[in-house]
Amino acid sequence: MSITLDLPDEIMLDVIRRAQRAGQTPDFFIADALRRQFAIERFRETRQSLGGYGEGAGLVTDEDVFNAIS
């Protein structure tokens, strides 16, 4: 599947430079950036929906969770 994006010149130049540094094509770089953003959003959504369970167990911060599993 493909999509066409109109990006401002400064963003496109940044994509090209960063993709080259990473040894990737601009297409792969953009797709990877989107995958990462989606993963962050899924994590935040999951965290939000499970927040009440953690608070009930005394797990309010990331440090609380880290200490509980360490």
C-alpha atoms as a PDB file:
ATOM      1  CA  MET A   1       0.000   0.000   0.000  1.00  0.00           C
ATOM      2  CA  SER A   2       1.259   3.482  -0.649  1.00  0.00           C
ATOM      3  CA  ILE A   3       0.401   7.023   0.347  1.00  0.00           C
ATOM      4  CA  THR A   4       1.557  10.389  -0.909  1.00  0.00           C
ATOM      5  CA  LEU A   5       2.543  13.042   1.620  1.00  0.00           C
ATOM      6  CA  ASP A   6       3.199  16.704   1.069  1.00  0.00           C
ATOM      7  CA  LEU A   7       5.805  17.637   3.652  1.00  0.00           C
ATOM      8  CA  PRO A   8       7.344  21.052   4.193  1.00  0.00           C
ATOM      9  CA  ASP A   9      10.811  21.268   2.648  1.00  0.00           C
ATOM     10  CA  GLU A  10      12.561  21.570   6.034  1.00  0.00           C
ATOM     11  CA  ILE A  11      10.936  18.352   7.305  1.00  0.00           C
ATOM     12  CA  MET A  12      11.690  16.454   4.118  1.00  0.00           C
ATOM     13  CA  LEU A  13      15.339  17.543   4.211  1.00  0.00           C
ATOM     14  CA  ASP A  14      15.557  16.430   7.842  1.00  0.00           C
ATOM     15  CA  VAL A  15      14.002  13.066   6.938  1.00  0.00           C
ATOM     16  CA  ILE A  16      16.483  12.572   4.103  1.00  0.00           C
ATOM     17  CA  ARG A  17      19.500  13.484   6.282  1.00  0.00           C
ATOM     18  CA  ARG A  18      18.419  11.294   9.188  1.00  0.00           C
ATOM     19  CA  ALA A  19      17.536   8.374   6.916  1.00  0.00           C
ATOM     20  CA  GLN A  20      20.946   8.573   5.240  1.00  0.00           C
ATOM     21  CA  ARG A  21      22.708   8.640   8.623  1.00  0.00           C
ATOM     22  CA  ALA A  22      20.735   5.553   9.669  1.00  0.00           C
ATOM     23  CA  GLY A  23      21.418   3.789   6.363  1.00  0.00           C
ATOM     24  CA  GLN A  24      17.711   3.740   5.517  1.00  0.00           C
ATOM     25  CA  THR A  25      15.516   4.970   2.726  1.00  0.00           C
ATOM     26  CA  PRO A  26      13.310   7.968   3.472  1.00  0.00           C
ATOM     27  CA  ASP A  27      10.252   5.711   3.000  1.00  0.00           C
ATOM     28  CA  PHE A  28      11.498   3.222   5.590  1.00  0.00           C
ATOM     29  CA  PHE A  29      12.487   6.036   7.967  1.00  0.00           C
ATOM     30  CA  ILE A  30       9.008   7.600   7.826  1.00  0.00           C
ATOM     31  CA  ALA A  31       7.266   4.217   8.212  1.00  0.00           C
ATOM     32  CA  ASP A  32       9.481   3.408  11.211  1.00  0.00           C
ATOM     33  CA  ALA A  33       8.743   6.799  12.781  1.00  0.00           C
ATOM     34  CA  LEU A  34       5.013   6.137  12.404  1.00  0.00           C
ATOM     35  CA  ARG A  35       5.368   2.635  13.913  1.00  0.00           C
ATOM     36  CA  ARG A  36       7.174   4.131  16.899  1.00  0.00           C
ATOM     37  CA  GLN A  37       4.543   6.837  17.346  1.00  0.00           C
ATOM     38  CA  PHE A  38       1.740   4.276  17.200  1.00  0.00           C
ATOM     39  CA  ALA A  39       3.523   2.136  19.804  1.00  0.00           C
ATOM     40  CA  ILE A  40       3.841   5.153  22.107  1.00  0.00           C
ATOM     41  CA  GLU A  41       0.147   5.946  21.686  1.00  0.00           C
ATOM     42  CA  ARG A  42      -0.870   2.312  22.378  1.00  0.00           C
ATOM     43  CA  PHE A  43       1.320   2.312  25.490  1.00  0.00           C
ATOM     44  CA  ARG A  44      -0.259   5.538  26.766  1.00  0.00           C
ATOM     45  CA  GLU A  45      -3.773   4.261  26.048  1.00  0.00           C
ATOM     46  CA  THR A  46      -3.056   0.999  27.869  1.00  0.00           C
ATOM     47  CA  ARG A  47      -1.488   2.826  30.772  1.00  0.00           C
ATOM     48  CA  GLN A  48      -4.510   5.114  31.006  1.00  0.00           C
ATOM     49  CA  SER A  49      -7.004   2.253  30.933  1.00  0.00           C
ATOM     50  CA  LEU A  50      -5.092   0.215  33.547  1.00  0.00           C
ATOM     51  CA  GLY A  51      -4.219   3.151  35.789  1.00  0.00           C
ATOM     52  CA  GLY A  52      -6.915   2.412  38.337  1.00  0.00           C
ATOM     53  CA  TYR A  53      -5.662  -1.128  38.885  1.00  0.00           C
ATOM     54  CA  GLY A  54      -2.145   0.044  39.614  1.00  0.00           C
ATOM     55  CA  GLU A  55      -3.249   2.769  41.974  1.00  0.00           C
ATOM     56  CA  GLY A  56      -5.319   0.240  43.899  1.00  0.00           C
ATOM     57  CA  ALA A  57      -2.157  -1.817  44.327  1.00  0.00           C
ATOM     58  CA  GLY A  58      -0.119   1.222  45.389  1.00  0.00           C
ATOM     59  CA  LEU A  59       1.610   1.579  42.008  1.00  0.00           C
ATOM     60  CA  VAL A  60       1.326   5.236  41.073  1.00  0.00           C
ATOM     61  CA  THR A  61       4.629   6.096  39.410  1.00  0.00           C
ATOM     62  CA  ASP A  62       6.998   4.276  37.054  1.00  0.00           C
ATOM     63  CA  GLU A  63       9.402   4.032  39.979  1.00  0.00           C
ATOM     64  CA  ASP A  64       6.729   2.216  42.031  1.00  0.00           C
ATOM     65  CA  VAL A  65       6.348  -0.352  39.243  1.00  0.00           C
ATOM     66  CA  PHE A  66      10.117  -0.715  38.854  1.00  0.00           C
ATOM     67  CA  ASN A  67      10.550  -1.277  42.589  1.00  0.00           C
ATOM     68  CA  ALA A  68       7.723  -3.835  42.619  1.00  0.00           C
ATOM     69  CA  ILE A  69       9.252  -5.951  39.874  1.00  0.00           C
ATOM     70  CA  SER A  70      12.923  -5.545  40.841  1.00  0.00           C
END
